[in-house]
Amino acid sequence: MIDFRSDTVTKPTAAMRAVMNDAPVGDDVYGDDPSVNQLEQFAVERHGFESALYCSSGTQANLLALMAHCERGDEYICGQQAHNYKFEGGGAAVLGSIQPQPIENNADGSIDLNKVVAAIKADDFHFAKTKLLSLENTIGGKVLPLSYLKQARECVDKHNLALHLDGARVYNAAVKLGVDITEITQYFDSVSICLSKGLGAPVGSLLLGSKVLIDKARRWRKVLGGGMRQAGMLAAAGQYALEHHVTRLAEDHDNAAYLAEQLNTLAAFDTSPFQIDTNIVYANVAEHIDLKAVAHALKEQNMLFSPGKPLRLVTHLGVTKQDIDSFISVLAAEI
């Protein structure tokens, strides 16, 4: 199956499965799982934070960050397209009693910091207390410049806010920029990192922050049912991904650029309006194309994509350049 729906569909490699099989395990709720402890310590040292927490998902890691930074009735500012606002079930509001204040994203994925400042609530009991600015990198596959991250840090410092990064694909951003991950993470009070997208682990995300923040997040993880027991096999996969699957993300980026080029050879598709930085490709589709019918036809030929206008296709370690050629050939025949 050639699957372009998301980089969440990656499967563990044989080498990763071997590491998982041999991983020592214990009860993580008691703090006894050596593989989880090792991953968390590795993450602390690798990313430049005081503490780390292994979480079941990126949605959980982001929610824990919001609940650790904010109290009931507080507010966080984010982009209209932010995953932790738009695609995570309203968890901050439903489970954290935290008010989101979304601001329209610019075309490059950033948020106008002047609009951020204008959205900060006055110290008045009529208003929610603005506590946090949350950014996402990459966002829609687009990379936020380091200069912008520096400006965001200066902005929150000036206005006494914390700064969180939804870094589900932050390693894609670092590889694209050609910098060490700490060149990005240095600007944030907390960072979530998904291990089960392009990095290829089967399950899990990390939340990084200060010891005080992570201790609070750990308690909320238990409250939310996220206390895992013998999770070491999964944690070992996550550490393997961080140690062995980062540099290969460049291959996914190259394949995405190639996929965009090949899509543009078909008259019904146009990627030119979209910024394609990493492994996510967007394309406008001609109105007469019934994408649902096309998706059904391709599924019968072991090719998957999510029909939508614009079309969104994602490259990952399960997609090769040859797979893209096969996909384009079959797609051309079906439209």
C-alpha atoms as a PDB file:
ATOM      1  CA  MET A   1       0.000   0.000   0.000  1.00  0.00           C
ATOM      2  CA  ILE A   2       1.327   3.421  -1.029  1.00  0.00           C
ATOM      3  CA  ASP A   3      -0.153   5.796   1.522  1.00  0.00           C
ATOM      4  CA  PHE A   4      -0.048   9.588   1.135  1.00  0.00           C
ATOM      5  CA  ARG A   5      -2.632  10.384   3.821  1.00  0.00           C
ATOM      6  CA  SER A   6      -0.142  11.359   6.520  1.00  0.00           C
ATOM      7  CA  ASP A   7       3.300  10.643   7.938  1.00  0.00           C
ATOM      8  CA  THR A   8       1.457   9.098  10.901  1.00  0.00           C
ATOM      9  CA  VAL A   9       1.049   5.896   8.856  1.00  0.00           C
ATOM     10  CA  THR A  10       4.732   4.960   9.064  1.00  0.00           C
ATOM     11  CA  LYS A  11       5.565   1.512  10.421  1.00  0.00           C
ATOM     12  CA  PRO A  12       8.559   0.478  12.545  1.00  0.00           C
ATOM     13  CA  THR A  13      11.584  -0.655  10.582  1.00  0.00           C
ATOM     14  CA  ALA A  14      13.098  -4.075  11.224  1.00  0.00           C
ATOM     15  CA  ALA A  15      15.929  -2.475  13.208  1.00  0.00           C
ATOM     16  CA  MET A  16      13.455  -0.528  15.315  1.00  0.00           C
ATOM     17  CA  ARG A  17      11.398  -3.668  15.991  1.00  0.00           C
ATOM     18  CA  ALA A  18      14.544  -5.436  17.210  1.00  0.00           C
ATOM     19  CA  VAL A  19      15.249  -2.604  19.662  1.00  0.00           C
ATOM     20  CA  MET A  20      11.640  -2.718  20.853  1.00  0.00           C
ATOM     21  CA  ASN A  21      11.815  -6.465  21.380  1.00  0.00           C
ATOM     22  CA  ASP A  22      14.931  -6.195  23.532  1.00  0.00           C
ATOM     23  CA  ALA A  23      13.887  -3.119  25.545  1.00  0.00           C
ATOM     24  CA  PRO A  24      13.878  -3.520  29.342  1.00  0.00           C
ATOM     25  CA  VAL A  25      10.536  -2.514  30.842  1.00  0.00           C
ATOM     26  CA  GLY A  26       8.977  -1.667  34.185  1.00  0.00           C
ATOM     27  CA  ASP A  27       6.018   0.249  35.572  1.00  0.00           C
ATOM     28  CA  ASP A  28       6.282   3.807  34.296  1.00  0.00           C
ATOM     29  CA  VAL A  29       3.633   5.180  36.677  1.00  0.00           C
ATOM     30  CA  TYR A  30       5.942   4.144  39.514  1.00  0.00           C
ATOM     31  CA  GLY A  31       8.870   5.599  37.572  1.00  0.00           C
ATOM     32  CA  ASP A  32      10.318   2.108  37.167  1.00  0.00           C
ATOM     33  CA  ASP A  33      10.484   1.721  33.392  1.00  0.00           C
ATOM     34  CA  PRO A  34      14.193   2.008  32.483  1.00  0.00           C
ATOM     35  CA  SER A  35      13.527   2.543  28.784  1.00  0.00           C
ATOM     36  CA  VAL A  36      11.065   5.376  29.409  1.00  0.00           C
ATOM     37  CA  ASN A  37      13.463   6.940  31.898  1.00  0.00           C
ATOM     38  CA  GLN A  38      16.300   6.643  29.408  1.00  0.00           C
ATOM     39  CA  LEU A  39      14.254   8.276  26.638  1.00  0.00           C
ATOM     40  CA  GLU A  40      13.230  11.153  28.885  1.00  0.00           C
ATOM     41  CA  GLN A  41      16.811  11.744  30.011  1.00  0.00           C
ATOM     42  CA  PHE A  42      18.049  11.524  26.427  1.00  0.00           C
ATOM     43  CA  ALA A  43      15.410  14.075  25.391  1.00  0.00           C
ATOM     44  CA  VAL A  44      16.417  16.452  28.186  1.00  0.00           C
ATOM     45  CA  GLU A  45      20.065  16.390  27.158  1.00  0.00           C
ATOM     46  CA  ARG A  46      19.359  16.494  23.433  1.00  0.00           C
ATOM     47  CA  HIS A  47      16.970  19.441  23.462  1.00  0.00           C
ATOM     48  CA  GLY A  48      18.300  21.589  26.292  1.00  0.00           C
ATOM     49  CA  PHE A  49      15.528  21.389  28.895  1.00  0.00           C
ATOM     50  CA  GLU A  50      15.372  20.498  32.568  1.00  0.00           C
ATOM     51  CA  SER A  51      12.790  17.747  32.287  1.00  0.00           C
ATOM     52  CA  ALA A  52      10.813  15.623  29.835  1.00  0.00           C
ATOM     53  CA  LEU A  53       7.637  13.556  29.834  1.00  0.00           C
ATOM     54  CA  TYR A  54       6.790  10.657  27.507  1.00  0.00           C
ATOM     55  CA  CYS A  55       3.179  10.966  26.338  1.00  0.00           C
ATOM     56  CA  SER A  56       0.879   8.713  24.367  1.00  0.00           C
ATOM     57  CA  SER A  57       0.264  11.248  21.594  1.00  0.00           C
ATOM     58  CA  GLY A  58       0.965  14.740  20.364  1.00  0.00           C
ATOM     59  CA  THR A  59      -2.575  15.767  21.239  1.00  0.00           C
ATOM     60  CA  GLN A  60      -1.940  14.677  24.822  1.00  0.00           C
ATOM     61  CA  ALA A  61       1.451  16.404  24.987  1.00  0.00           C
ATOM     62  CA  ASN A  62      -0.003  19.695  23.751  1.00  0.00           C
ATOM     63  CA  LEU A  63      -2.961  19.497  26.140  1.00  0.00           C
ATOM     64  CA  LEU A  64      -0.656  18.758  29.068  1.00  0.00           C
ATOM     65  CA  ALA A  65       1.473  21.763  28.145  1.00  0.00           C
ATOM     66  CA  LEU A  66      -1.561  24.035  28.023  1.00  0.00           C
ATOM     67  CA  MET A  67      -2.879  22.705  31.339  1.00  0.00           C
ATOM     68  CA  ALA A  68       0.531  23.047  32.984  1.00  0.00           C
ATOM     69  CA  HIS A  69       1.009  26.627  31.797  1.00  0.00           C
ATOM     70  CA  CYS A  70      -2.566  27.791  32.386  1.00  0.00           C
ATOM     71  CA  GLU A  71      -5.205  27.572  35.115  1.00  0.00           C
ATOM     72  CA  ARG A  72      -8.990  27.479  34.735  1.00  0.00           C
ATOM     73  CA  GLY A  73     -10.150  30.715  33.137  1.00  0.00           C
ATOM     74  CA  ASP A  74      -6.766  31.526  31.620  1.00  0.00           C
ATOM     75  CA  GLU A  75      -6.174  32.029  27.917  1.00  0.00           C
ATOM     76  CA  TYR A  76      -3.626  31.022  25.306  1.00  0.00           C
ATOM     77  CA  ILE A  77      -3.036  32.753  21.977  1.00  0.00           C
ATOM     78  CA  CYS A  78      -2.444  30.660  18.856  1.00  0.00           C
ATOM     79  CA  GLY A  79      -2.981  30.633  15.111  1.00  0.00           C
ATOM     80  CA  GLN A  80      -6.328  29.933  13.464  1.00  0.00           C
ATOM     81  CA  GLN A  81      -4.691  26.923  11.798  1.00  0.00           C
ATOM     82  CA  ALA A  82      -2.955  25.691  14.954  1.00  0.00           C
ATOM     83  CA  HIS A  83      -3.366  21.978  15.504  1.00  0.00           C
ATOM     84  CA  ASN A  84      -3.968  22.427  19.236  1.00  0.00           C
ATOM     85  CA  TYR A  85      -6.844  24.792  18.429  1.00  0.00           C
ATOM     86  CA  LYS A  86      -8.401  23.366  15.283  1.00  0.00           C
ATOM     87  CA  PHE A  87      -7.709  19.634  15.273  1.00  0.00           C
ATOM     88  CA  GLU A  88      -7.509  18.432  18.877  1.00  0.00           C
ATOM     89  CA  GLY A  89     -11.181  18.250  19.795  1.00  0.00           C
ATOM     90  CA  GLY A  90     -11.261  21.489  21.771  1.00  0.00           C
ATOM     91  CA  GLY A  91      -9.430  19.715  24.580  1.00  0.00           C
ATOM     92  CA  ALA A  92      -8.015  22.887  26.135  1.00  0.00           C
ATOM     93  CA  ALA A  93     -11.520  24.280  26.594  1.00  0.00           C
ATOM     94  CA  VAL A  94     -13.312  20.995  27.325  1.00  0.00           C
ATOM     95  CA  LEU A  95     -10.810  19.465  29.740  1.00  0.00           C
ATOM     96  CA  GLY A  96      -8.656  22.382  30.848  1.00  0.00           C
ATOM     97  CA  SER A  97     -11.209  25.210  31.023  1.00  0.00           C
ATOM     98  CA  ILE A  98      -8.650  27.236  29.071  1.00  0.00           C
ATOM     99  CA  GLN A  99      -9.829  29.796  26.533  1.00  0.00           C
ATOM    100  CA  PRO A 100      -8.135  29.816  23.126  1.00  0.00           C
ATOM    101  CA  GLN A 101      -7.637  33.161  21.397  1.00  0.00           C
ATOM    102  CA  PRO A 102      -6.929  32.297  17.756  1.00  0.00           C
ATOM    103  CA  ILE A 103      -5.353  34.789  15.376  1.00  0.00           C
ATOM    104  CA  GLU A 104      -5.265  34.405  11.605  1.00  0.00           C
ATOM    105  CA  ASN A 105      -2.061  32.813  10.357  1.00  0.00           C
ATOM    106  CA  ASN A 106      -0.026  34.637   7.755  1.00  0.00           C
ATOM    107  CA  ALA A 107       0.628  32.919   4.438  1.00  0.00           C
ATOM    108  CA  ASP A 108       3.988  31.665   5.715  1.00  0.00           C
ATOM    109  CA  GLY A 109       2.381  30.110   8.818  1.00  0.00           C
ATOM    110  CA  SER A 110       3.532  32.777  11.252  1.00  0.00           C
ATOM    111  CA  ILE A 111       1.270  34.936  13.418  1.00  0.00           C
ATOM    112  CA  ASP A 112       1.567  38.731  13.271  1.00  0.00           C
ATOM    113  CA  LEU A 113       3.139  39.568  16.629  1.00  0.00           C
ATOM    114  CA  ASN A 114       1.491  42.986  16.623  1.00  0.00           C
ATOM    115  CA  LYS A 115      -1.849  41.200  16.544  1.00  0.00           C
ATOM    116  CA  VAL A 116      -0.657  38.946  19.362  1.00  0.00           C
ATOM    117  CA  VAL A 117       0.093  41.982  21.498  1.00  0.00           C
ATOM    118  CA  ALA A 118      -3.270  43.536  20.649  1.00  0.00           C
ATOM    119  CA  ALA A 119      -5.021  40.318  21.736  1.00  0.00           C
ATOM    120  CA  ILE A 120      -3.421  40.218  25.209  1.00  0.00           C
ATOM    121  CA  LYS A 121      -6.162  40.892  27.735  1.00  0.00           C
ATOM    122  CA  ALA A 122      -5.927  43.721  30.245  1.00  0.00           C
ATOM    123  CA  ASP A 123      -5.578  42.869  33.924  1.00  0.00           C
ATOM    124  CA  ASP A 124      -9.311  43.117  34.565  1.00  0.00           C
ATOM    125  CA  PHE A 125     -11.625  40.555  36.160  1.00  0.00           C
ATOM    126  CA  HIS A 126     -13.931  40.803  33.134  1.00  0.00           C
ATOM    127  CA  PHE A 127     -11.350  39.044  31.002  1.00  0.00           C
ATOM    128  CA  ALA A 128      -9.568  35.736  30.875  1.00  0.00           C
ATOM    129  CA  LYS A 129      -5.920  36.023  31.874  1.00  0.00           C
ATOM    130  CA  THR A 130      -3.618  35.738  28.875  1.00  0.00           C
ATOM    131  CA  LYS A 131      -0.791  33.410  29.891  1.00  0.00           C
ATOM    132  CA  LEU A 132       0.693  31.773  26.824  1.00  0.00           C
ATOM    133  CA  LEU A 133       1.545  32.113  23.151  1.00  0.00           C
ATOM    134  CA  SER A 134       1.542  28.795  21.277  1.00  0.00           C
ATOM    135  CA  LEU A 135       3.304  28.452  17.925  1.00  0.00           C
ATOM    136  CA  GLU A 136       3.547  25.493  15.562  1.00  0.00           C
ATOM    137  CA  ASN A 137       6.614  24.509  13.516  1.00  0.00           C
ATOM    138  CA  THR A 138       6.270  23.165  10.923  1.00  0.00           C
ATOM    139  CA  ILE A 139       2.724  24.350  10.241  1.00  0.00           C
ATOM    140  CA  GLY A 140       1.102  22.952   7.130  1.00  0.00           C
ATOM    141  CA  GLY A 141       4.608  21.795   6.244  1.00  0.00           C
ATOM    142  CA  LYS A 142       5.940  25.367   6.326  1.00  0.00           C
ATOM    143  CA  VAL A 143       8.991  26.275   8.382  1.00  0.00           C
ATOM    144  CA  LEU A 144       9.032  29.298  10.689  1.00  0.00           C
ATOM    145  CA  PRO A 145      12.283  31.293  10.323  1.00  0.00           C
ATOM    146  CA  LEU A 146      14.668  31.419  13.279  1.00  0.00           C
ATOM    147  CA  SER A 147      14.477  35.222  13.151  1.00  0.00           C
ATOM    148  CA  TYR A 148      10.736  35.030  13.738  1.00  0.00           C
ATOM    149  CA  LEU A 149      11.171  32.682  16.685  1.00  0.00           C
ATOM    150  CA  LYS A 150      13.614  35.168  18.226  1.00  0.00           C
ATOM    151  CA  GLN A 151      11.087  37.969  17.763  1.00  0.00           C
ATOM    152  CA  ALA A 152       8.372  35.832  19.359  1.00  0.00           C
ATOM    153  CA  ARG A 153      10.628  35.186  22.367  1.00  0.00           C
ATOM    154  CA  GLU A 154      11.287  38.898  22.748  1.00  0.00           C
ATOM    155  CA  CYS A 155       7.559  39.592  22.464  1.00  0.00           C
ATOM    156  CA  VAL A 156       6.499  37.165  25.194  1.00  0.00           C
ATOM    157  CA  ASP A 157       9.298  38.307  27.487  1.00  0.00           C
ATOM    158  CA  LYS A 158       8.154  41.898  27.108  1.00  0.00           C
ATOM    159  CA  HIS A 159       4.542  40.990  27.897  1.00  0.00           C
ATOM    160  CA  ASN A 160       5.176  38.371  30.583  1.00  0.00           C
ATOM    161  CA  LEU A 161       3.813  35.391  28.638  1.00  0.00           C
ATOM    162  CA  ALA A 162       5.144  31.862  28.300  1.00  0.00           C
ATOM    163  CA  LEU A 163       5.933  30.414  24.858  1.00  0.00           C
ATOM    164  CA  HIS A 164       4.974  26.877  23.800  1.00  0.00           C
ATOM    165  CA  LEU A 165       5.921  25.091  20.591  1.00  0.00           C
ATOM    166  CA  ASP A 166       3.765  22.438  19.043  1.00  0.00           C
ATOM    167  CA  GLY A 167       6.774  20.800  17.465  1.00  0.00           C
ATOM    168  CA  ALA A 168       5.052  17.732  16.066  1.00  0.00           C
ATOM    169  CA  ARG A 169       7.292  18.068  12.995  1.00  0.00           C
ATOM    170  CA  VAL A 170       9.980  20.307  14.470  1.00  0.00           C
ATOM    171  CA  TYR A 171      12.724  17.958  13.264  1.00  0.00           C
ATOM    172  CA  ASN A 172      11.490  18.521   9.712  1.00  0.00           C
ATOM    173  CA  ALA A 173      11.979  22.224  10.358  1.00  0.00           C
ATOM    174  CA  ALA A 174      15.492  21.736  11.727  1.00  0.00           C
ATOM    175  CA  VAL A 175      16.532  19.516   8.810  1.00  0.00           C
ATOM    176  CA  LYS A 176      15.115  21.992   6.294  1.00  0.00           C
ATOM    177  CA  LEU A 177      16.955  24.886   7.944  1.00  0.00           C
ATOM    178  CA  GLY A 178      20.120  22.819   8.275  1.00  0.00           C
ATOM    179  CA  VAL A 179      20.454  23.603  11.985  1.00  0.00           C
ATOM    180  CA  ASP A 180      20.657  21.630  15.205  1.00  0.00           C
ATOM    181  CA  ILE A 181      17.289  21.169  16.887  1.00  0.00           C
ATOM    182  CA  THR A 182      18.407  23.338  19.824  1.00  0.00           C
ATOM    183  CA  GLU A 183      18.602  26.344  17.489  1.00  0.00           C
ATOM    184  CA  ILE A 184      14.793  26.121  17.477  1.00  0.00           C
ATOM    185  CA  THR A 185      13.964  24.801  20.942  1.00  0.00           C
ATOM    186  CA  GLN A 186      16.099  27.428  22.714  1.00  0.00           C
ATOM    187  CA  TYR A 187      13.358  30.018  22.298  1.00  0.00           C
ATOM    188  CA  PHE A 188      10.574  28.075  24.042  1.00  0.00           C
ATOM    189  CA  ASP A 189       9.435  27.382  27.587  1.00  0.00           C
ATOM    190  CA  SER A 190       7.928  24.085  26.475  1.00  0.00           C
ATOM    191  CA  VAL A 191       8.051  21.952  23.344  1.00  0.00           C
ATOM    192  CA  SER A 192       6.072  18.921  22.200  1.00  0.00           C
ATOM    193  CA  ILE A 193       7.740  16.549  19.722  1.00  0.00           C
ATOM    194  CA  CYS A 194       5.877  13.775  17.935  1.00  0.00           C
ATOM    195  CA  LEU A 195       7.879  10.579  17.544  1.00  0.00           C
ATOM    196  CA  SER A 196       5.290   8.765  15.419  1.00  0.00           C
ATOM    197  CA  LYS A 197       5.188  11.009  12.330  1.00  0.00           C
ATOM    198  CA  GLY A 198       8.193  11.378  10.053  1.00  0.00           C
ATOM    199  CA  LEU A 199      10.525   9.994  12.708  1.00  0.00           C
ATOM    200  CA  GLY A 200       8.758   6.667  12.288  1.00  0.00           C
ATOM    201  CA  ALA A 201       8.113   5.414  15.830  1.00  0.00           C
ATOM    202  CA  PRO A 202       4.796   3.564  16.278  1.00  0.00           C
ATOM    203  CA  VAL A 203       3.455   5.588  19.232  1.00  0.00           C
ATOM    204  CA  GLY A 204       4.274   8.553  21.391  1.00  0.00           C
ATOM    205  CA  SER A 205       5.310  12.154  21.836  1.00  0.00           C
ATOM    206  CA  LEU A 206       7.590  14.042  24.184  1.00  0.00           C
ATOM    207  CA  LEU A 207       6.831  17.126  26.235  1.00  0.00           C
ATOM    208  CA  LEU A 208       9.860  19.172  27.290  1.00  0.00           C
ATOM    209  CA  GLY A 209      10.049  21.978  29.818  1.00  0.00           C
ATOM    210  CA  SER A 210      11.196  23.034  33.259  1.00  0.00           C
ATOM    211  CA  LYS A 211      11.057  20.564  36.141  1.00  0.00           C
ATOM    212  CA  VAL A 212       8.180  22.493  37.719  1.00  0.00           C
ATOM    213  CA  LEU A 213       6.204  22.465  34.468  1.00  0.00           C
ATOM    214  CA  ILE A 214       6.820  18.783  33.742  1.00  0.00           C
ATOM    215  CA  ASP A 215       5.961  17.738  37.303  1.00  0.00           C
ATOM    216  CA  LYS A 216       2.628  19.493  36.862  1.00  0.00           C
ATOM    217  CA  ALA A 217       2.136  17.940  33.433  1.00  0.00           C
ATOM    218  CA  ARG A 218       2.918  14.490  34.825  1.00  0.00           C
ATOM    219  CA  ARG A 219       0.103  14.854  37.357  1.00  0.00           C
ATOM    220  CA  TRP A 220      -2.312  15.989  34.639  1.00  0.00           C
ATOM    221  CA  ARG A 221      -1.218  13.052  32.470  1.00  0.00           C
ATOM    222  CA  LYS A 222      -2.360  10.716  35.243  1.00  0.00           C
ATOM    223  CA  VAL A 223      -5.651  12.598  35.659  1.00  0.00           C
ATOM    224  CA  LEU A 224      -6.294  12.324  31.916  1.00  0.00           C
ATOM    225  CA  GLY A 225      -5.684   8.572  31.905  1.00  0.00           C
ATOM    226  CA  GLY A 226      -2.276   8.819  30.264  1.00  0.00           C
ATOM    227  CA  GLY A 227      -0.282   6.954  32.890  1.00  0.00           C
ATOM    228  CA  MET A 228       1.234   4.032  31.003  1.00  0.00           C
ATOM    229  CA  ARG A 229       2.737   0.937  32.613  1.00  0.00           C
ATOM    230  CA  GLN A 230       5.280  -1.190  30.673  1.00  0.00           C
ATOM    231  CA  ALA A 231       5.723   1.455  27.992  1.00  0.00           C
ATOM    232  CA  GLY A 232       9.434   0.825  27.511  1.00  0.00           C
ATOM    233  CA  MET A 233       9.082  -0.987  24.211  1.00  0.00           C
ATOM    234  CA  LEU A 234       7.389   2.089  22.765  1.00  0.00           C
ATOM    235  CA  ALA A 235       9.857   4.481  24.372  1.00  0.00           C
ATOM    236  CA  ALA A 236      12.776   2.494  22.967  1.00  0.00           C
ATOM    237  CA  ALA A 237      11.298   2.913  19.496  1.00  0.00           C
ATOM    238  CA  GLY A 238      11.063   6.653  20.108  1.00  0.00           C
ATOM    239  CA  GLN A 239      14.683   6.913  21.139  1.00  0.00           C
ATOM    240  CA  TYR A 240      15.766   4.838  18.154  1.00  0.00           C
ATOM    241  CA  ALA A 241      13.837   7.233  15.918  1.00  0.00           C
ATOM    242  CA  LEU A 242      15.592  10.263  17.414  1.00  0.00           C
ATOM    243  CA  GLU A 243      18.993   8.632  17.043  1.00  0.00           C
ATOM    244  CA  HIS A 244      18.594   7.137  13.555  1.00  0.00           C
ATOM    245  CA  HIS A 245      15.712   8.715  11.603  1.00  0.00           C
ATOM    246  CA  VAL A 246      16.375  12.450  11.727  1.00  0.00           C
ATOM    247  CA  THR A 247      18.763  13.022   8.825  1.00  0.00           C
ATOM    248  CA  ARG A 248      16.661  10.869   6.504  1.00  0.00           C
ATOM    249  CA  LEU A 249      13.834  13.431   6.757  1.00  0.00           C
ATOM    250  CA  ALA A 250      15.649  15.291   3.973  1.00  0.00           C
ATOM    251  CA  GLU A 251      14.675  12.411   1.682  1.00  0.00           C
ATOM    252  CA  ASP A 252      11.015  13.022   2.485  1.00  0.00           C
ATOM    253  CA  HIS A 253      11.452  16.701   1.651  1.00  0.00           C
ATOM    254  CA  ASP A 254      13.101  15.860  -1.668  1.00  0.00           C
ATOM    255  CA  ASN A 255      10.314  13.409  -2.453  1.00  0.00           C
ATOM    256  CA  ALA A 256       7.694  16.045  -1.661  1.00  0.00           C
ATOM    257  CA  ALA A 257       9.324  18.477  -4.065  1.00  0.00           C
ATOM    258  CA  TYR A 258       9.427  15.741  -6.706  1.00  0.00           C
ATOM    259  CA  LEU A 259       5.778  14.871  -6.051  1.00  0.00           C
ATOM    260  CA  ALA A 260       4.809  18.523  -6.531  1.00  0.00           C
ATOM    261  CA  GLU A 261       6.721  18.651  -9.819  1.00  0.00           C
ATOM    262  CA  GLN A 262       4.993  15.533 -11.098  1.00  0.00           C
ATOM    263  CA  LEU A 263       1.545  16.704 -10.015  1.00  0.00           C
ATOM    264  CA  ASN A 264       2.068  19.886 -11.993  1.00  0.00           C
ATOM    265  CA  THR A 265       2.517  17.828 -15.169  1.00  0.00           C
ATOM    266  CA  LEU A 266      -1.171  16.934 -14.861  1.00  0.00           C
ATOM    267  CA  ALA A 267      -3.466  19.702 -16.080  1.00  0.00           C
ATOM    268  CA  ALA A 268      -5.965  19.127 -13.264  1.00  0.00           C
ATOM    269  CA  PHE A 269      -3.470  19.860 -10.457  1.00  0.00           C
ATOM    270  CA  ASP A 270      -1.561  22.999  -9.485  1.00  0.00           C
ATOM    271  CA  THR A 271       0.795  23.264  -6.508  1.00  0.00           C
ATOM    272  CA  SER A 272       2.150  26.717  -7.411  1.00  0.00           C
ATOM    273  CA  PRO A 273      -0.029  28.715  -4.965  1.00  0.00           C
ATOM    274  CA  PHE A 274       1.372  26.787  -2.010  1.00  0.00           C
ATOM    275  CA  GLN A 275       4.641  27.015  -0.085  1.00  0.00           C
ATOM    276  CA  ILE A 276       6.164  23.532   0.023  1.00  0.00           C
ATOM    277  CA  ASP A 277       9.073  23.490   2.454  1.00  0.00           C
ATOM    278  CA  THR A 278       9.145  19.978   3.862  1.00  0.00           C
ATOM    279  CA  ASN A 279       7.082  16.797   3.437  1.00  0.00           C
ATOM    280  CA  ILE A 280       3.565  18.150   2.927  1.00  0.00           C
ATOM    281  CA  VAL A 281       2.283  18.971  -0.552  1.00  0.00           C
ATOM    282  CA  TYR A 282      -0.872  20.951  -1.263  1.00  0.00           C
ATOM    283  CA  ALA A 283      -2.431  21.271  -4.699  1.00  0.00           C
ATOM    284  CA  ASN A 284      -5.457  22.957  -6.150  1.00  0.00           C
ATOM    285  CA  VAL A 285      -7.653  20.552  -8.103  1.00  0.00           C
ATOM    286  CA  ALA A 286      -9.800  21.321 -11.134  1.00  0.00           C
ATOM    287  CA  GLU A 287     -13.482  21.672 -10.273  1.00  0.00           C
ATOM    288  CA  HIS A 288     -14.592  18.889 -12.603  1.00  0.00           C
ATOM    289  CA  ILE A 289     -12.476  16.271 -10.816  1.00  0.00           C
ATOM    290  CA  ASP A 290     -14.423  14.013  -8.453  1.00  0.00           C
ATOM    291  CA  LEU A 291     -11.646  13.339  -5.955  1.00  0.00           C
ATOM    292  CA  LYS A 292     -13.733  10.955  -3.887  1.00  0.00           C
ATOM    293  CA  ALA A 293     -14.266   8.753  -6.921  1.00  0.00           C
ATOM    294  CA  VAL A 294     -10.587   8.998  -7.825  1.00  0.00           C
ATOM    295  CA  ALA A 295      -9.574   8.101  -4.265  1.00  0.00           C
ATOM    296  CA  HIS A 296     -11.847   5.053  -4.366  1.00  0.00           C
ATOM    297  CA  ALA A 297     -10.387   3.933  -7.691  1.00  0.00           C
ATOM    298  CA  LEU A 298      -6.810   4.322  -6.436  1.00  0.00           C
ATOM    299  CA  LYS A 299      -7.594   2.475  -3.226  1.00  0.00           C
ATOM    300  CA  GLU A 300      -8.508  -0.503  -5.366  1.00  0.00           C
ATOM    301  CA  GLN A 301      -4.951  -0.301  -6.700  1.00  0.00           C
ATOM    302  CA  ASN A 302      -3.351  -0.086  -3.245  1.00  0.00           C
ATOM    303  CA  MET A 303      -2.850   3.664  -3.210  1.00  0.00           C
ATOM    304  CA  LEU A 304      -4.320   5.891  -0.511  1.00  0.00           C
ATOM    305  CA  PHE A 305      -4.874   9.628  -0.231  1.00  0.00           C
ATOM    306  CA  SER A 306      -7.459  11.795   1.496  1.00  0.00           C
ATOM    307  CA  PRO A 307      -9.732  13.539  -1.011  1.00  0.00           C
ATOM    308  CA  GLY A 308      -9.961  17.251  -0.318  1.00  0.00           C
ATOM    309  CA  LYS A 309      -9.720  20.548  -2.101  1.00  0.00           C
ATOM    310  CA  PRO A 310      -7.008  21.617  -1.837  1.00  0.00           C
ATOM    311  CA  LEU A 311      -5.475  18.171  -2.054  1.00  0.00           C
ATOM    312  CA  ARG A 312      -3.010  17.317   0.731  1.00  0.00           C
ATOM    313  CA  LEU A 313      -0.366  14.641   0.218  1.00  0.00           C
ATOM    314  CA  VAL A 314       2.351  13.708   2.707  1.00  0.00           C
ATOM    315  CA  THR A 315       5.650  11.939   2.059  1.00  0.00           C
ATOM    316  CA  HIS A 316       7.391   9.787   4.671  1.00  0.00           C
ATOM    317  CA  LEU A 317       9.714   6.819   5.103  1.00  0.00           C
ATOM    318  CA  GLY A 318       7.072   4.534   3.584  1.00  0.00           C
ATOM    319  CA  VAL A 319       7.052   6.443   0.269  1.00  0.00           C
ATOM    320  CA  THR A 320       9.831   6.207  -2.335  1.00  0.00           C
ATOM    321  CA  LYS A 321      10.435   8.149  -5.529  1.00  0.00           C
ATOM    322  CA  GLN A 322       9.346   5.041  -7.438  1.00  0.00           C
ATOM    323  CA  ASP A 323       6.100   5.020  -5.446  1.00  0.00           C
ATOM    324  CA  ILE A 324       5.491   8.601  -6.535  1.00  0.00           C
ATOM    325  CA  ASP A 325       6.022   7.666 -10.186  1.00  0.00           C
ATOM    326  CA  SER A 326       3.528   4.816  -9.820  1.00  0.00           C
ATOM    327  CA  PHE A 327       1.025   7.102  -8.091  1.00  0.00           C
ATOM    328  CA  ILE A 328       1.250   9.797 -10.771  1.00  0.00           C
ATOM    329  CA  SER A 329       0.877   7.221 -13.531  1.00  0.00           C
ATOM    330  CA  VAL A 330      -2.257   5.703 -11.999  1.00  0.00           C
ATOM    331  CA  LEU A 331      -3.662   9.108 -11.066  1.00  0.00           C
ATOM    332  CA  ALA A 332      -3.235  10.349 -14.640  1.00  0.00           C
ATOM    333  CA  ALA A 333      -5.129   7.347 -15.924  1.00  0.00           C
ATOM    334  CA  GLU A 334      -8.058   7.927 -13.544  1.00  0.00           C
ATOM    335  CA  ILE A 335      -8.713  11.644 -14.048  1.00  0.00           C
END
